[in-house]
C-alpha atoms as a PDB file:
ATOM      1  CA  MET A   1     -18.908  -8.111  17.251  1.00  0.00           C
ATOM      2  CA  VAL A   2     -21.273  -8.919  14.631  1.00  0.00           C
ATOM      3  CA  ALA A   3     -19.852  -6.708  12.247  1.00  0.00           C
ATOM      4  CA  ASP A   4     -16.710  -8.319  12.855  1.00  0.00           C
ATOM      5  CA  ILE A   5     -18.154 -11.475  11.591  1.00  0.00           C
ATOM      6  CA  VAL A   6     -19.840 -10.016   8.421  1.00  0.00           C
ATOM      7  CA  SER A   7     -16.139  -8.453   7.589  1.00  0.00           C
ATOM      8  CA  PHE A   8     -14.684 -11.652   8.105  1.00  0.00           C
ATOM      9  CA  ARG A   9     -15.168 -13.609   5.136  1.00  0.00           C
ATOM     10  CA  GLY A  10     -14.197 -10.244   2.832  1.00  0.00           C
ATOM     11  CA  LEU A  11     -11.170  -9.694   4.913  1.00  0.00           C
ATOM     12  CA  LEU A  12      -9.997 -13.295   4.233  1.00  0.00           C
ATOM     13  CA  GLN A  13     -10.590 -12.736   0.174  1.00  0.00           C
ATOM     14  CA  GLU A  14      -8.601  -9.866   0.540  1.00  0.00           C
ATOM     15  CA  ARG A  15      -6.045 -11.734   2.213  1.00  0.00           C
ATOM     16  CA  PHE A  16      -5.949 -14.240  -0.736  1.00  0.00           C
ATOM     17  CA  TRP A  17      -5.945 -11.399  -3.290  1.00  0.00           C
ATOM     18  CA  THR A  18      -2.699  -9.875  -1.215  1.00  0.00           C
ATOM     19  CA  ARG A  19      -1.040 -13.353  -2.015  1.00  0.00           C
ATOM     20  CA  GLY A  20      -1.378 -13.577  -5.603  1.00  0.00           C
ATOM     21  CA  GLU A  21      -4.899 -15.092  -6.096  1.00  0.00           C
ATOM     22  CA  PRO A  22      -6.736 -13.200  -8.825  1.00  0.00           C
ATOM     23  CA  ILE A  23     -10.209 -11.617  -8.514  1.00  0.00           C
ATOM     24  CA  ASP A  24     -12.936 -14.269  -9.827  1.00  0.00           C
ATOM     25  CA  GLY A  25     -14.714 -11.618 -11.656  1.00  0.00           C
ATOM     26  CA  LEU A  26     -16.851  -8.160 -10.705  1.00  0.00           C
ATOM     27  CA  LYS A  27     -19.545 -10.306  -9.023  1.00  0.00           C
ATOM     28  CA  GLN A  28     -16.708 -11.987  -6.427  1.00  0.00           C
ATOM     29  CA  TRP A  29     -15.360  -7.963  -5.843  1.00  0.00           C
ATOM     30  CA  SER A  30     -19.051  -6.947  -5.240  1.00  0.00           C
ATOM     31  CA  ARG A  31     -19.663  -9.418  -2.937  1.00  0.00           C
ATOM     32  CA  THR A  32     -16.494  -8.215  -0.974  1.00  0.00           C
ATOM     33  CA  VAL A  33     -17.358  -4.820  -0.889  1.00  0.00           C
ATOM     34  CA  SER A  34     -21.130  -5.516   0.265  1.00  0.00           C
ATOM     35  CA  GLN A  35     -19.717  -7.072   3.197  1.00  0.00           C
ATOM     36  CA  ALA A  36     -17.191  -4.159   3.871  1.00  0.00           C
ATOM     37  CA  LYS A  37     -20.144  -2.009   3.423  1.00  0.00           C
ATOM     38  CA  LEU A  38     -22.513  -4.059   5.626  1.00  0.00           C
ATOM     39  CA  ALA A  39     -20.339  -3.940   8.391  1.00  0.00           C
ATOM     40  CA  SER A  40     -20.008   0.121   8.056  1.00  0.00           C
ATOM     41  CA  LYS A  41     -23.517  -0.493   8.531  1.00  0.00           C
ATOM     42  CA  LEU A  42     -23.426  -2.243  12.103  1.00  0.00           C
ATOM     43  CA  ALA A  43     -20.780   0.075  13.286  1.00  0.00           C
ATOM     44  CA  PRO A  44     -20.865   3.412  11.688  1.00  0.00           C
ATOM     45  CA  GLY A  45     -18.031   5.293  11.687  1.00  0.00           C
ATOM     46  CA  ASN A  46     -15.819   2.495  12.482  1.00  0.00           C
ATOM     47  CA  PRO A  47     -12.511   3.292  10.716  1.00  0.00           C
ATOM     48  CA  ASP A  48     -11.507  -0.286   9.866  1.00  0.00           C
ATOM     49  CA  TYR A  49     -14.257  -0.718   8.005  1.00  0.00           C
ATOM     50  CA  LEU A  50     -13.989   2.379   5.894  1.00  0.00           C
ATOM     51  CA  PHE A  51     -10.583   1.852   5.085  1.00  0.00           C
ATOM     52  CA  PHE A  52     -11.060  -1.596   3.813  1.00  0.00           C
ATOM     53  CA  GLN A  53     -13.669  -0.097   1.625  1.00  0.00           C
ATOM     54  CA  GLY A  54     -11.112   2.328   0.449  1.00  0.00           C
ATOM     55  CA  ARG A  55      -8.800  -1.047  -0.310  1.00  0.00           C
ATOM     56  CA  LEU A  56     -11.633  -2.837  -2.118  1.00  0.00           C
ATOM     57  CA  ALA A  57     -11.706   0.500  -4.426  1.00  0.00           C
ATOM     58  CA  SER A  58      -8.109  -0.453  -5.399  1.00  0.00           C
ATOM     59  CA  TRP A  59      -8.616  -4.084  -6.148  1.00  0.00           C
ATOM     60  CA  ARG A  60     -11.306  -3.175  -8.291  1.00  0.00           C
ATOM     61  CA  LEU A  61      -8.631  -2.318 -10.968  1.00  0.00           C
ATOM     62  CA  PHE A  62      -7.968  -5.627 -11.206  1.00  0.00           C
ATOM     63  CA  VAL A  63     -11.233  -6.929 -11.754  1.00  0.00           C
ATOM     64  CA  ASP A  64     -11.386  -8.334 -15.519  1.00  0.00           C
ATOM     65  CA  ASP A  65     -14.139  -6.534 -17.305  1.00  0.00           C
ATOM     66  CA  GLN A  66     -15.618  -3.441 -19.794  1.00  0.00           C
ATOM     67  CA  GLU A  67     -17.107  -1.388 -16.932  1.00  0.00           C
ATOM     68  CA  ASP A  68     -16.907   2.242 -15.644  1.00  0.00           C
ATOM     69  CA  VAL A  69     -14.693   2.154 -12.809  1.00  0.00           C
ATOM     70  CA  SER A  70     -14.689   5.826 -11.847  1.00  0.00           C
ATOM     71  CA  GLU A  71     -17.584   5.416  -9.292  1.00  0.00           C
ATOM     72  CA  ASP A  72     -16.058   2.445  -7.360  1.00  0.00           C
ATOM     73  CA  LEU A  73     -12.870   4.590  -7.202  1.00  0.00           C
ATOM     74  CA  VAL A  74     -14.237   7.904  -5.859  1.00  0.00           C
ATOM     75  CA  GLN A  75     -16.352   5.937  -3.417  1.00  0.00           C
ATOM     76  CA  GLY A  76     -13.029   4.505  -2.226  1.00  0.00           C
ATOM     77  CA  TYR A  77     -11.401   7.553  -2.178  1.00  0.00           C
ATOM     78  CA  PHE A  78     -14.022   9.274   0.132  1.00  0.00           C
ATOM     79  CA  SER A  79     -14.590   5.830   2.180  1.00  0.00           C
ATOM     80  CA  PHE A  80     -10.384   6.786   2.950  1.00  0.00           C
ATOM     81  CA  HIS A  81     -10.770  10.478   3.919  1.00  0.00           C
ATOM     82  CA  GLU A  82     -13.716   9.299   6.049  1.00  0.00           C
ATOM     83  CA  ALA A  83     -11.476   6.995   8.138  1.00  0.00           C
ATOM     84  CA  LEU A  84      -8.675   9.101   8.082  1.00  0.00           C
ATOM     85  CA  ALA A  85     -10.776  11.819   9.895  1.00  0.00           C
ATOM     86  CA  ALA A  86     -12.006   9.706  12.260  1.00  0.00           C
ATOM     87  CA  ARG A  87      -8.142   7.987  13.104  1.00  0.00           C
ATOM     88  CA  PRO A  88      -5.883  10.954  11.732  1.00  0.00           C
ATOM     89  CA  TYR A  89      -2.905   9.682  13.324  1.00  0.00           C
ATOM     90  CA  TRP A  90      -2.303   6.328  11.730  1.00  0.00           C
ATOM     91  CA  SER A  91       0.492   5.772   9.758  1.00  0.00           C
ATOM     92  CA  GLU A  92      -1.268   2.844   7.934  1.00  0.00           C
ATOM     93  CA  GLY A  93      -3.696   4.337   7.000  1.00  0.00           C
ATOM     94  CA  TRP A  94      -1.915   7.428   5.688  1.00  0.00           C
ATOM     95  CA  SER A  95       0.095   5.342   3.306  1.00  0.00           C
ATOM     96  CA  GLU A  96      -2.997   2.966   2.224  1.00  0.00           C
ATOM     97  CA  LEU A  97      -4.284   6.500   0.990  1.00  0.00           C
ATOM     98  CA  ALA A  98      -0.973   6.953  -0.844  1.00  0.00           C
ATOM     99  CA  PHE A  99      -0.904   3.428  -2.260  1.00  0.00           C
ATOM    100  CA  PHE A 100      -4.146   4.005  -3.641  1.00  0.00           C
ATOM    101  CA  LYS A 101      -3.243   7.579  -4.985  1.00  0.00           C
ATOM    102  CA  ALA A 102      -0.111   6.127  -6.809  1.00  0.00           C
ATOM    103  CA  GLN A 103      -2.329   3.348  -8.221  1.00  0.00           C
ATOM    104  CA  ILE A 104      -4.924   5.394  -9.839  1.00  0.00           C
ATOM    105  CA  GLY A 105      -2.193   8.218 -11.283  1.00  0.00           C
ATOM    106  CA  GLU A 106      -3.079  10.915  -9.051  1.00  0.00           C
ATOM    107  CA  VAL A 107       0.734  11.785  -7.673  1.00  0.00           C
ATOM    108  CA  ASP A 108      -0.528  15.022  -6.640  1.00  0.00           C
ATOM    109  CA  GLU A 109      -0.036  17.440  -3.341  1.00  0.00           C
ATOM    110  CA  GLU A 110      -2.227  15.146  -1.590  1.00  0.00           C
ATOM    111  CA  PHE A 111      -0.267  11.842  -2.295  1.00  0.00           C
ATOM    112  CA  GLU A 112       2.689  13.748  -1.278  1.00  0.00           C
ATOM    113  CA  PHE A 113       0.836  14.811   2.056  1.00  0.00           C
ATOM    114  CA  ALA A 114      -0.339  11.183   2.647  1.00  0.00           C
ATOM    115  CA  VAL A 115       3.633   9.931   2.158  1.00  0.00           C
ATOM    116  CA  TYR A 116       4.611  12.490   5.158  1.00  0.00           C
ATOM    117  CA  MET A 117       2.058  11.935   7.348  1.00  0.00           C
ATOM    118  CA  SER A 118       2.386   8.328   7.092  1.00  0.00           C
ATOM    119  CA  ARG A 119       6.142   8.503   7.930  1.00  0.00           C
ATOM    120  CA  PHE A 120       5.522  11.511  10.708  1.00  0.00           C
ATOM    121  CA  THR A 121       2.962   9.632  12.699  1.00  0.00           C
ATOM    122  CA  GLY A 122       4.495   5.859  12.146  1.00  0.00           C
ATOM    123  CA  PRO A 123       8.340   5.806  11.014  1.00  0.00           C
ATOM    124  CA  TYR A 124       9.115   2.823  11.833  1.00  0.00           C
ATOM    125  CA  GLU A 125       5.795   0.627  11.033  1.00  0.00           C
ATOM    126  CA  GLN A 126       6.807  -1.830   8.854  1.00  0.00           C
ATOM    127  CA  ARG A 127       3.262  -2.123   6.760  1.00  0.00           C
ATOM    128  CA  SER A 128       3.276   1.817   6.199  1.00  0.00           C
ATOM    129  CA  ILE A 129       6.712   1.725   4.978  1.00  0.00           C
ATOM    130  CA  LEU A 130       5.689  -1.189   2.568  1.00  0.00           C
ATOM    131  CA  ASN A 131       3.193   0.291   1.379  1.00  0.00           C
ATOM    132  CA  ILE A 132       5.029   3.825   0.806  1.00  0.00           C
ATOM    133  CA  LEU A 133       7.936   2.007  -0.731  1.00  0.00           C
ATOM    134  CA  LYS A 134       5.063   0.289  -3.356  1.00  0.00           C
ATOM    135  CA  ALA A 135       3.392   3.617  -3.841  1.00  0.00           C
ATOM    136  CA  ASN A 136       6.724   5.466  -4.254  1.00  0.00           C
ATOM    137  CA  PHE A 137       7.888   2.468  -6.683  1.00  0.00           C
ATOM    138  CA  GLY A 138       4.755   2.652  -8.738  1.00  0.00           C
ATOM    139  CA  ALA A 139       5.185   6.342  -9.489  1.00  0.00           C
ATOM    140  CA  TRP A 140       9.038   6.490  -9.487  1.00  0.00           C
ATOM    141  CA  GLU A 141       8.990   8.418 -12.829  1.00  0.00           C
ATOM    142  CA  GLN A 142       6.080  10.877 -11.383  1.00  0.00           C
ATOM    143  CA  LEU A 143       8.434  11.756  -8.381  1.00  0.00           C
ATOM    144  CA  ASN A 144      10.802  14.593  -7.989  1.00  0.00           C
ATOM    145  CA  THR A 145      14.068  14.105  -7.140  1.00  0.00           C
ATOM    146  CA  GLU A 146      13.749  14.839  -3.449  1.00  0.00           C
ATOM    147  CA  MET A 147      11.093  12.062  -3.088  1.00  0.00           C
ATOM    148  CA  LYS A 148      13.092   9.792  -4.834  1.00  0.00           C
ATOM    149  CA  GLN A 149      15.793  10.054  -2.244  1.00  0.00           C
ATOM    150  CA  ASP A 150      13.686   9.815   0.388  1.00  0.00           C
ATOM    151  CA  SER A 151      12.570   6.389  -1.019  1.00  0.00           C
ATOM    152  CA  ILE A 152      16.043   5.474  -1.285  1.00  0.00           C
ATOM    153  CA  ARG A 153      16.461   6.619   2.499  1.00  0.00           C
ATOM    154  CA  LEU A 154      13.458   4.468   3.216  1.00  0.00           C
ATOM    155  CA  PHE A 155      14.458   1.280   1.235  1.00  0.00           C
ATOM    156  CA  ASP A 156      17.639   1.685   3.284  1.00  0.00           C
ATOM    157  CA  LEU A 157      15.430   1.555   6.318  1.00  0.00           C
ATOM    158  CA  ALA A 158      13.769  -1.429   5.234  1.00  0.00           C
ATOM    159  CA  LEU A 159      16.455  -3.703   5.100  1.00  0.00           C
ATOM    160  CA  ALA A 160      17.868  -2.312   8.225  1.00  0.00           C
ATOM    161  CA  LEU A 161      14.772  -2.979   9.992  1.00  0.00           C
ATOM    162  CA  ASP A 162      14.377  -6.143   9.030  1.00  0.00           C
ATOM    163  CA  TYR A 163      15.912  -9.028  11.414  1.00  0.00           C
ATOM    164  CA  GLU A 164      14.267 -12.156  10.043  1.00  0.00           C
ATOM    165  CA  ASN A 165      14.380 -11.060   6.328  1.00  0.00           C
ATOM    166  CA  LYS A 166      10.655 -10.887   5.673  1.00  0.00           C
ATOM    167  CA  MET A 167      10.414  -7.328   5.577  1.00  0.00           C
ATOM    168  CA  ALA A 168      13.650  -7.227   3.497  1.00  0.00           C
ATOM    169  CA  LYS A 169      12.121  -9.863   0.913  1.00  0.00           C
ATOM    170  CA  ARG A 170       9.371  -7.665   0.522  1.00  0.00           C
ATOM    171  CA  ALA A 171      10.737  -4.220   0.172  1.00  0.00           C
ATOM    172  CA  VAL A 172      13.498  -6.216  -2.372  1.00  0.00           C
ATOM    173  CA  ASP A 173      10.315  -7.908  -4.069  1.00  0.00           C
ATOM    174  CA  ALA A 174       8.351  -4.678  -4.620  1.00  0.00           C
ATOM    175  CA  ALA A 175      11.951  -3.036  -6.242  1.00  0.00           C
ATOM    176  CA  LYS A 176      12.347  -6.028  -8.491  1.00  0.00           C
ATOM    177  CA  GLU A 177       8.769  -5.868  -9.425  1.00  0.00           C
ATOM    178  CA  LEU A 178       9.158  -2.205 -10.930  1.00  0.00           C
ATOM    179  CA  ASN A 179      12.862  -3.184 -12.192  1.00  0.00           C
ATOM    180  CA  LEU A 180      14.384  -0.643  -9.341  1.00  0.00           C
ATOM    181  CA  PHE A 181      16.431  -3.103  -7.835  1.00  0.00           C
ATOM    182  CA  SER A 182      19.537  -2.663  -8.880  1.00  0.00           C
ATOM    183  CA  ASP A 183      19.060   1.061  -9.295  1.00  0.00           C
ATOM    184  CA  LEU A 184      18.273   1.179  -5.699  1.00  0.00           C
ATOM    185  CA  CYS A 185      20.889  -1.140  -4.519  1.00  0.00           C
ATOM    186  CA  SER A 186      23.725   0.460  -6.240  1.00  0.00           C
ATOM    187  CA  ASP A 187      22.680   4.154  -4.739  1.00  0.00           C
ATOM    188  CA  GLU A 188      26.445   5.238  -2.664  1.00  0.00           C
ATOM    189  CA  SER A 189      23.724   6.473   0.179  1.00  0.00           C
ATOM    190  CA  LEU A 190      22.846   2.617   1.269  1.00  0.00           C
ATOM    191  CA  SER A 191      24.690   1.684   4.583  1.00  0.00           C
ATOM    192  CA  GLU A 192      26.820  -1.324   4.702  1.00  0.00           C
ATOM    193  CA  LEU A 193      24.162  -3.500   6.078  1.00  0.00           C
ATOM    194  CA  SER A 194      21.926  -2.568   3.466  1.00  0.00           C
ATOM    195  CA  LYS A 195      24.447  -3.191   0.951  1.00  0.00           C
ATOM    196  CA  ALA A 196      24.989  -6.508   2.254  1.00  0.00           C
ATOM    197  CA  MET A 197      21.368  -7.468   2.376  1.00  0.00           C
ATOM    198  CA  CYS A 198      20.785  -6.508  -1.096  1.00  0.00           C
ATOM    199  CA  GLY A 199      23.851  -9.239  -2.020  1.00  0.00           C
ATOM    200  CA  MET A 200      21.859 -11.358  -0.070  1.00  0.00           C
ATOM    201  CA  HIS A 201      18.849 -11.071  -2.445  1.00  0.00           C
ATOM    202  CA  GLY A 202      21.055 -11.539  -5.642  1.00  0.00           C
ATOM    203  CA  TYR A 203      22.542  -7.777  -6.481  1.00  0.00           C
ATOM    204  CA  SER A 204      25.702  -7.919  -7.691  1.00  0.00           C
ATOM    205  CA  ALA A 205      27.916  -4.367  -8.786  1.00  0.00           C
ATOM    206  CA  LEU A 206      29.557  -6.379 -11.495  1.00  0.00           C
END
């Protein structure tokens, strides 16, 4: 309970960053990390706070400063592994690790395994799907042909699963951000429903 209270401000700050608010310097990021670490200290082994620390390492990349980030990234990496050791069948956790590794440019066997585990443990989990899409889109040039085809199928699933248009919009936004939207929507393997959703979001084959 106390740990939840301690972490609340940090989680709220992360939500603001997710919505596009810029990080207000290293001091703000460090304060948020301190809140996550204190929560972990108050609730040792709780994977929620360990995953939080891992995600914060990703945000370190968006802090506008000249400091070396390698130590912060290593700490985040180990936080993810400690969290997954405690919660090995949580799809979202594996997707967060994959997204983290894509952000730091480590598209390797571990990245592929994280993608696989996320899909295996939660094939229809919306947050996991979106995390994997963002990870794969960001690492697109480094993906092999099979992973690119899997990404297209996952994009298809993201559009087909969406009944309120929210998930589809996020998937489309992720594709547009990396200039992949037209390529994905022009793929012949997409379902008719997904093709229609592409059209709703601005795609035109002409």
